[in-house]
Amino acid sequence: MKQFECATLVPGCEWHTRANEEAEVIRRAVEHMRLVHGETVIRENMVQNIRARVREAKKEDAA
């Protein structure tokens, strides 16, 4: 299980997501950036920044 916490990229944002596949976590994070943070153009470096912050979910977090 992979997870992404938006606060690692946007300080103060409490949004997070988990999914089995890294690609799904990134897709959700990109959509969040568009809808919540007003990013109209998602550049490759933004995707790279998200990917770099995707972590393995801790067992207690996944429960």
Protein backbone atom coordinates (compact mmCIF):
# COMPACT_ATOMS: atom_id res chain seq x y z
CA MET A 1 0.00 0.00 0.00
CA LYS A 2 1.40 3.39 -1.05
CA GLN A 3 0.50 6.78 0.42
CA PHE A 4 0.97 10.46 -0.28
CA GLU A 5 0.49 13.30 2.20
CA CYS A 6 -0.02 16.66 0.53
CA ALA A 7 1.57 18.54 3.44
CA THR A 8 4.94 17.17 2.31
CA LEU A 9 4.51 19.31 -0.81
CA VAL A 10 2.03 22.03 0.28
CA PRO A 11 2.62 22.99 3.93
CA GLY A 12 -0.57 23.06 5.98
CA CYS A 13 -2.64 20.87 3.64
CA GLU A 14 -4.07 17.90 5.56
CA TRP A 15 -5.20 15.91 2.48
CA HIS A 16 -3.75 12.44 1.97
CA THR A 17 -4.46 9.34 -0.08
CA ARG A 18 -3.58 5.65 -0.17
CA ALA A 19 -3.78 3.04 -2.90
CA ASN A 20 -2.17 -0.26 -3.80
CA GLU A 21 -0.44 1.16 -6.87
CA GLU A 22 1.90 4.17 -6.94
CA ALA A 23 0.36 5.29 -10.25
CA GLU A 24 -3.09 5.57 -8.64
CA VAL A 25 -1.69 7.59 -5.72
CA ILE A 26 -0.03 9.97 -8.20
CA ARG A 27 -3.22 10.25 -10.28
CA ARG A 28 -5.24 11.17 -7.18
CA ALA A 29 -2.59 13.65 -6.03
CA VAL A 30 -2.52 15.37 -9.43
CA GLU A 31 -6.32 15.65 -9.38
CA HIS A 32 -6.13 17.10 -5.85
CA MET A 33 -3.57 19.68 -7.01
CA ARG A 34 -5.93 20.75 -9.79
CA LEU A 35 -9.12 20.88 -7.74
CA VAL A 36 -7.89 22.19 -4.40
CA HIS A 37 -4.68 24.08 -5.08
CA GLY A 38 -5.69 25.55 -8.45
CA GLU A 39 -2.86 24.03 -10.47
CA THR A 40 -4.14 24.32 -14.03
CA VAL A 41 -0.97 22.98 -15.67
CA ILE A 42 0.69 19.94 -14.13
CA ARG A 43 4.28 19.90 -15.31
CA GLU A 44 6.56 16.87 -15.25
CA ASN A 45 8.52 18.33 -12.32
CA MET A 46 5.30 18.46 -10.27
CA VAL A 47 4.69 14.77 -10.99
CA GLN A 48 8.31 14.04 -10.04
CA ASN A 49 7.87 15.99 -6.79
CA ILE A 50 4.74 13.98 -5.97
CA ARG A 51 6.42 10.66 -6.88
CA ALA A 52 9.39 11.51 -4.64
CA ARG A 53 7.00 11.93 -1.70
CA VAL A 54 5.02 8.69 -2.16
CA ARG A 55 5.82 6.37 0.72
CA GLU A 56 4.99 2.86 1.80
CA ALA A 57 1.99 3.10 4.14
CA LYS A 58 2.67 2.00 7.70
CA LYS A 59 0.66 -1.03 8.81
CA GLU A 60 -1.10 0.94 11.57
CA ASP A 61 -1.99 3.70 9.06
CA ALA A 62 -3.45 1.20 6.58
CA ALA A 63 -5.83 -0.33 9.13
